[in-house]
């Protein structure tokens, strides 16, 4: 965990640091999360929580964040994705430190961010389902 924090140049929020240390890449039983879209509450289905040094690049924290580094900058870390490839992002610095966001990747980063939870622990405890979703969250706008 220390190496990850040194590379990021930021300290990971406690709940997320604990999650990586104890359950690296573990998928919770409940996978549906909600966030506020421009036209009301939206829901999406968690597809993956990234692991440090996963066997596959699509599930690897390092690989995914290399892919999105230009978009997210140094203050945000992609920690997972929904079924449509949209990203769950953790704020690492600044006034929003620790918050979990949904990023609709078809939009510019700042425009596509929606708050999901005030911290990673609240994100996990707020998961519901699985239940059928009437479409994808790519309508987050």
C-alpha atoms as a PDB file:
ATOM      1  CA  UNK A   1       0.000   0.000   0.000  1.00  0.00           C
ATOM      2  CA  UNK A   2       2.889   2.343   0.751  1.00  0.00           C
ATOM      3  CA  UNK A   3       4.274   1.950  -2.768  1.00  0.00           C
ATOM      4  CA  UNK A   4       0.898   2.775  -4.313  1.00  0.00           C
ATOM      5  CA  UNK A   5       0.597   5.912  -2.178  1.00  0.00           C
ATOM      6  CA  UNK A   6       4.157   6.985  -3.050  1.00  0.00           C
ATOM      7  CA  UNK A   7       3.532   6.510  -6.778  1.00  0.00           C
ATOM      8  CA  UNK A   8       0.248   8.424  -6.551  1.00  0.00           C
ATOM      9  CA  UNK A   9       1.775  11.152  -4.422  1.00  0.00           C
ATOM     10  CA  UNK A  10      -1.324  11.051  -2.244  1.00  0.00           C
ATOM     11  CA  UNK A  11      -2.604   9.197   0.736  1.00  0.00           C
ATOM     12  CA  UNK A  12      -5.473   6.821   0.063  1.00  0.00           C
ATOM     13  CA  UNK A  13      -8.615   7.400   2.128  1.00  0.00           C
ATOM     14  CA  UNK A  14      -8.687   4.929   5.062  1.00  0.00           C
ATOM     15  CA  UNK A  15     -11.696   2.841   3.948  1.00  0.00           C
ATOM     16  CA  UNK A  16     -10.268   2.358   0.455  1.00  0.00           C
ATOM     17  CA  UNK A  17      -6.782   1.599   1.778  1.00  0.00           C
ATOM     18  CA  UNK A  18      -8.282  -1.062   4.061  1.00  0.00           C
ATOM     19  CA  UNK A  19     -10.317  -2.485   1.179  1.00  0.00           C
ATOM     20  CA  UNK A  20      -7.236  -2.883  -1.020  1.00  0.00           C
ATOM     21  CA  UNK A  21      -5.193  -4.369   1.803  1.00  0.00           C
ATOM     22  CA  UNK A  22      -7.824  -6.951   2.760  1.00  0.00           C
ATOM     23  CA  UNK A  23      -9.990  -7.550  -0.318  1.00  0.00           C
ATOM     24  CA  UNK A  24      -7.968  -6.438  -3.338  1.00  0.00           C
ATOM     25  CA  UNK A  25     -10.314  -6.781  -6.331  1.00  0.00           C
ATOM     26  CA  UNK A  26     -13.122  -8.418  -4.355  1.00  0.00           C
ATOM     27  CA  UNK A  27     -16.605  -7.901  -5.818  1.00  0.00           C
ATOM     28  CA  UNK A  28     -19.408  -7.302  -3.348  1.00  0.00           C
ATOM     29  CA  UNK A  29     -22.584  -9.373  -3.556  1.00  0.00           C
ATOM     30  CA  UNK A  30     -24.686  -6.232  -4.030  1.00  0.00           C
ATOM     31  CA  UNK A  31     -23.700  -4.314  -7.151  1.00  0.00           C
ATOM     32  CA  UNK A  32     -26.251  -1.572  -7.899  1.00  0.00           C
ATOM     33  CA  UNK A  33     -25.340   2.017  -7.032  1.00  0.00           C
ATOM     34  CA  UNK A  34     -27.170   5.318  -7.429  1.00  0.00           C
ATOM     35  CA  UNK A  35     -26.044   8.847  -8.219  1.00  0.00           C
ATOM     36  CA  UNK A  36     -27.629  12.151  -9.134  1.00  0.00           C
ATOM     37  CA  UNK A  37     -27.815  12.753 -12.877  1.00  0.00           C
ATOM     38  CA  UNK A  38     -28.855  16.042 -14.466  1.00  0.00           C
ATOM     39  CA  UNK A  39     -32.450  14.870 -14.709  1.00  0.00           C
ATOM     40  CA  UNK A  40     -32.781  12.908 -11.462  1.00  0.00           C
ATOM     41  CA  UNK A  41     -31.418   9.833  -9.751  1.00  0.00           C
ATOM     42  CA  UNK A  42     -29.690   7.298 -11.972  1.00  0.00           C
ATOM     43  CA  UNK A  43     -28.624   3.762 -11.174  1.00  0.00           C
ATOM     44  CA  UNK A  44     -25.932   1.572 -12.594  1.00  0.00           C
ATOM     45  CA  UNK A  45     -24.445  -1.857 -12.023  1.00  0.00           C
ATOM     46  CA  UNK A  46     -20.913  -2.288 -10.705  1.00  0.00           C
ATOM     47  CA  UNK A  47     -18.970  -4.539 -13.068  1.00  0.00           C
ATOM     48  CA  UNK A  48     -15.516  -4.512 -11.460  1.00  0.00           C
ATOM     49  CA  UNK A  49     -13.532  -3.057  -8.576  1.00  0.00           C
ATOM     50  CA  UNK A  50      -9.938  -2.823  -9.750  1.00  0.00           C
ATOM     51  CA  UNK A  51      -7.215  -4.804  -8.028  1.00  0.00           C
ATOM     52  CA  UNK A  52      -3.560  -3.952  -7.615  1.00  0.00           C
ATOM     53  CA  UNK A  53      -1.571  -6.210  -9.967  1.00  0.00           C
ATOM     54  CA  UNK A  54      -4.597  -8.048 -11.407  1.00  0.00           C
ATOM     55  CA  UNK A  55      -3.923 -10.779 -13.971  1.00  0.00           C
ATOM     56  CA  UNK A  56      -5.893  -8.934 -16.683  1.00  0.00           C
ATOM     57  CA  UNK A  57      -5.302  -5.287 -17.648  1.00  0.00           C
ATOM     58  CA  UNK A  58      -9.045  -4.500 -17.720  1.00  0.00           C
ATOM     59  CA  UNK A  59      -9.213  -5.305 -13.988  1.00  0.00           C
ATOM     60  CA  UNK A  60      -5.838  -3.855 -12.956  1.00  0.00           C
ATOM     61  CA  UNK A  61      -5.713  -0.583 -11.006  1.00  0.00           C
ATOM     62  CA  UNK A  62      -2.353   0.409 -12.520  1.00  0.00           C
ATOM     63  CA  UNK A  63      -3.276  -0.378 -16.138  1.00  0.00           C
ATOM     64  CA  UNK A  64      -6.671   1.311 -16.063  1.00  0.00           C
ATOM     65  CA  UNK A  65      -5.283   4.443 -14.463  1.00  0.00           C
ATOM     66  CA  UNK A  66      -2.506   4.662 -17.057  1.00  0.00           C
ATOM     67  CA  UNK A  67      -5.236   4.595 -19.702  1.00  0.00           C
ATOM     68  CA  UNK A  68      -7.257   7.416 -18.117  1.00  0.00           C
ATOM     69  CA  UNK A  69      -4.403   9.485 -16.607  1.00  0.00           C
ATOM     70  CA  UNK A  70      -4.712  12.352 -19.104  1.00  0.00           C
ATOM     71  CA  UNK A  71      -8.415  12.707 -18.317  1.00  0.00           C
ATOM     72  CA  UNK A  72      -8.423  12.247 -14.554  1.00  0.00           C
ATOM     73  CA  UNK A  73      -5.199  14.031 -13.672  1.00  0.00           C
ATOM     74  CA  UNK A  74      -3.268  13.380 -10.455  1.00  0.00           C
ATOM     75  CA  UNK A  75      -6.154  14.159  -8.089  1.00  0.00           C
ATOM     76  CA  UNK A  76      -8.388  11.238  -9.053  1.00  0.00           C
ATOM     77  CA  UNK A  77      -8.056   7.458  -9.172  1.00  0.00           C
ATOM     78  CA  UNK A  78     -10.283   5.120 -11.193  1.00  0.00           C
ATOM     79  CA  UNK A  79     -11.269   2.353  -8.771  1.00  0.00           C
ATOM     80  CA  UNK A  80     -13.893   0.422 -10.728  1.00  0.00           C
ATOM     81  CA  UNK A  81     -16.292   0.412 -13.659  1.00  0.00           C
ATOM     82  CA  UNK A  82     -19.932  -0.189 -14.419  1.00  0.00           C
ATOM     83  CA  UNK A  83     -21.267  -2.535 -17.093  1.00  0.00           C
ATOM     84  CA  UNK A  84     -20.957   0.199 -19.729  1.00  0.00           C
ATOM     85  CA  UNK A  85     -17.285   0.973 -19.046  1.00  0.00           C
ATOM     86  CA  UNK A  86     -18.043   4.186 -17.157  1.00  0.00           C
ATOM     87  CA  UNK A  87     -15.630   4.704 -14.301  1.00  0.00           C
ATOM     88  CA  UNK A  88     -15.959   4.948 -10.541  1.00  0.00           C
ATOM     89  CA  UNK A  89     -13.443   7.542  -9.448  1.00  0.00           C
ATOM     90  CA  UNK A  90     -11.999   8.307  -6.020  1.00  0.00           C
ATOM     91  CA  UNK A  91     -10.831  11.856  -5.244  1.00  0.00           C
ATOM     92  CA  UNK A  92      -7.332  11.711  -3.749  1.00  0.00           C
ATOM     93  CA  UNK A  93      -6.661  15.378  -3.012  1.00  0.00           C
ATOM     94  CA  UNK A  94      -8.378  18.687  -2.551  1.00  0.00           C
ATOM     95  CA  UNK A  95     -11.710  19.611  -1.018  1.00  0.00           C
ATOM     96  CA  UNK A  96     -13.424  16.479  -2.353  1.00  0.00           C
ATOM     97  CA  UNK A  97     -10.796  14.083  -0.947  1.00  0.00           C
ATOM     98  CA  UNK A  98     -12.294  10.665  -0.330  1.00  0.00           C
ATOM     99  CA  UNK A  99     -15.507  11.124  -2.340  1.00  0.00           C
ATOM    100  CA  UNK A 100     -16.532   8.478  -4.854  1.00  0.00           C
ATOM    101  CA  UNK A 101     -17.746   9.709  -8.247  1.00  0.00           C
ATOM    102  CA  UNK A 102     -19.362   8.201 -11.323  1.00  0.00           C
ATOM    103  CA  UNK A 103     -17.706   9.377 -14.555  1.00  0.00           C
ATOM    104  CA  UNK A 104     -19.639   8.994 -17.796  1.00  0.00           C
ATOM    105  CA  UNK A 105     -16.576   8.440 -19.992  1.00  0.00           C
ATOM    106  CA  UNK A 106     -18.257   9.709 -23.144  1.00  0.00           C
ATOM    107  CA  UNK A 107     -18.178  13.190 -21.568  1.00  0.00           C
ATOM    108  CA  UNK A 108     -15.186  15.363 -20.654  1.00  0.00           C
ATOM    109  CA  UNK A 109     -13.991  14.437 -17.169  1.00  0.00           C
ATOM    110  CA  UNK A 110     -15.227  17.479 -15.215  1.00  0.00           C
ATOM    111  CA  UNK A 111     -18.545  17.489 -17.063  1.00  0.00           C
ATOM    112  CA  UNK A 112     -19.171  13.758 -16.647  1.00  0.00           C
ATOM    113  CA  UNK A 113     -18.594  13.500 -12.867  1.00  0.00           C
ATOM    114  CA  UNK A 114     -21.486  12.757 -10.512  1.00  0.00           C
ATOM    115  CA  UNK A 115     -21.138  12.148  -6.759  1.00  0.00           C
ATOM    116  CA  UNK A 116     -21.975   8.585  -5.745  1.00  0.00           C
ATOM    117  CA  UNK A 117     -20.902   8.612  -2.087  1.00  0.00           C
ATOM    118  CA  UNK A 118     -19.054  10.801   0.431  1.00  0.00           C
ATOM    119  CA  UNK A 119     -16.439   8.046   0.913  1.00  0.00           C
ATOM    120  CA  UNK A 120     -15.612   4.484  -0.103  1.00  0.00           C
ATOM    121  CA  UNK A 121     -17.189   2.937   2.997  1.00  0.00           C
ATOM    122  CA  UNK A 122     -20.472   4.715   2.257  1.00  0.00           C
ATOM    123  CA  UNK A 123     -20.227   3.574  -1.367  1.00  0.00           C
ATOM    124  CA  UNK A 124     -19.952  -0.092  -0.318  1.00  0.00           C
ATOM    125  CA  UNK A 125     -22.710   0.155   2.278  1.00  0.00           C
ATOM    126  CA  UNK A 126     -24.986   1.950  -0.210  1.00  0.00           C
ATOM    127  CA  UNK A 127     -24.854  -0.827  -2.804  1.00  0.00           C
ATOM    128  CA  UNK A 128     -28.157  -2.616  -3.463  1.00  0.00           C
ATOM    129  CA  UNK A 129     -29.412  -5.362  -5.774  1.00  0.00           C
ATOM    130  CA  UNK A 130     -28.542  -7.020  -7.917  1.00  0.00           C
ATOM    131  CA  UNK A 131     -31.807  -6.266  -9.585  1.00  0.00           C
ATOM    132  CA  UNK A 132     -32.775  -5.721 -13.202  1.00  0.00           C
ATOM    133  CA  UNK A 133     -31.840  -2.295 -14.496  1.00  0.00           C
ATOM    134  CA  UNK A 134     -33.968  -0.766 -17.253  1.00  0.00           C
ATOM    135  CA  UNK A 135     -30.983   0.398 -19.297  1.00  0.00           C
ATOM    136  CA  UNK A 136     -27.512   1.689 -18.780  1.00  0.00           C
ATOM    137  CA  UNK A 137     -26.216   4.625 -16.813  1.00  0.00           C
ATOM    138  CA  UNK A 138     -24.789   6.220 -19.919  1.00  0.00           C
ATOM    139  CA  UNK A 139     -27.836   8.485 -19.700  1.00  0.00           C
ATOM    140  CA  UNK A 140     -26.231  10.208 -16.703  1.00  0.00           C
ATOM    141  CA  UNK A 141     -26.379  13.556 -18.436  1.00  0.00           C
END
